[in-house]
Amino acid sequence: MADFAPKLKKVLREAGCYFVRQGKGAHEIWYSPITKRFFVVDSKIRSRHTANAILKQAGLPKQF
């Protein structure tokens, strides 16, 4: 299975989103200046649907 997390984090950084703090377990809290909201990114994302849902929360179009 593929791990979408590294590519997803790169896309988020390029869009201006940034890491805020470590969450519980393997989760990270990120902030999107586009939507002005915080959202959770898991360290291992195995589903493209989950990766696209995170992009949606960040205010970005689907890419996976």
Protein backbone atom coordinates (compact mmCIF):
# COMPACT_ATOMS: atom_id res chain seq x y z
CA MET A 1 0.00 0.00 0.00
CA ALA A 2 1.11 3.52 -0.73
CA ASP A 3 1.73 6.13 1.94
CA PHE A 4 0.29 9.47 0.81
CA ALA A 5 1.53 11.46 3.85
CA PRO A 6 4.92 12.70 2.50
CA LYS A 7 3.46 13.92 -0.80
CA LEU A 8 0.42 15.40 0.96
CA LYS A 9 2.60 17.35 3.40
CA LYS A 10 4.68 18.70 0.49
CA VAL A 11 1.51 19.90 -1.28
CA LEU A 12 0.27 21.52 1.93
CA ARG A 13 3.57 23.35 2.52
CA GLU A 14 3.63 24.62 -1.07
CA ALA A 15 0.11 26.04 -0.55
CA GLY A 16 1.22 27.94 2.56
CA CYS A 17 -0.14 25.57 5.19
CA TYR A 18 2.13 24.86 8.12
CA PHE A 19 2.70 22.45 11.00
CA VAL A 20 1.52 23.84 14.35
CA ARG A 21 2.09 21.08 16.90
CA GLN A 22 2.10 17.36 17.53
CA GLY A 23 -1.31 15.91 18.35
CA LYS A 24 -2.20 12.66 20.08
CA GLY A 25 -0.39 9.58 18.86
CA ALA A 26 0.75 9.83 15.26
CA HIS A 27 -1.35 12.89 14.43
CA GLU A 28 -0.15 16.40 13.64
CA ILE A 29 -2.10 19.65 13.85
CA TRP A 30 -1.70 21.91 10.80
CA TYR A 31 -3.06 25.37 9.96
CA SER A 32 -4.40 26.58 6.61
CA PRO A 33 -4.21 30.32 5.85
CA ILE A 34 -6.68 29.70 3.01
CA THR A 35 -9.54 28.52 5.24
CA LYS A 36 -8.09 30.02 8.46
CA ARG A 37 -8.71 26.70 10.22
CA PHE A 38 -6.74 23.98 11.95
CA PHE A 39 -6.89 20.40 10.69
CA VAL A 40 -5.38 17.01 11.54
CA VAL A 41 -2.86 15.14 9.40
CA ASP A 42 -1.99 11.53 10.26
CA SER A 43 1.63 10.39 9.86
CA LYS A 44 0.55 7.40 7.73
CA ILE A 45 -2.19 7.98 5.17
CA ARG A 46 -2.93 4.86 3.18
CA SER A 47 -6.14 5.97 1.47
CA ARG A 48 -6.33 8.51 -1.34
CA HIS A 49 -9.81 9.40 -0.09
CA THR A 50 -8.37 10.44 3.28
CA ALA A 51 -5.63 12.45 1.56
CA ASN A 52 -8.21 14.27 -0.59
CA ALA A 53 -10.40 14.93 2.47
CA ILE A 54 -7.45 16.60 4.20
CA LEU A 55 -6.83 18.73 1.10
CA LYS A 56 -10.50 19.75 1.17
CA GLN A 57 -10.20 20.81 4.82
CA ALA A 58 -7.17 22.91 3.83
CA GLY A 59 -9.14 24.57 1.01
CA LEU A 60 -7.23 22.88 -1.81
CA PRO A 61 -8.52 20.86 -4.81
CA LYS A 62 -8.27 17.07 -4.97
CA GLN A 63 -4.92 15.79 -6.22
CA PHE A 64 -4.87 12.06 -5.40
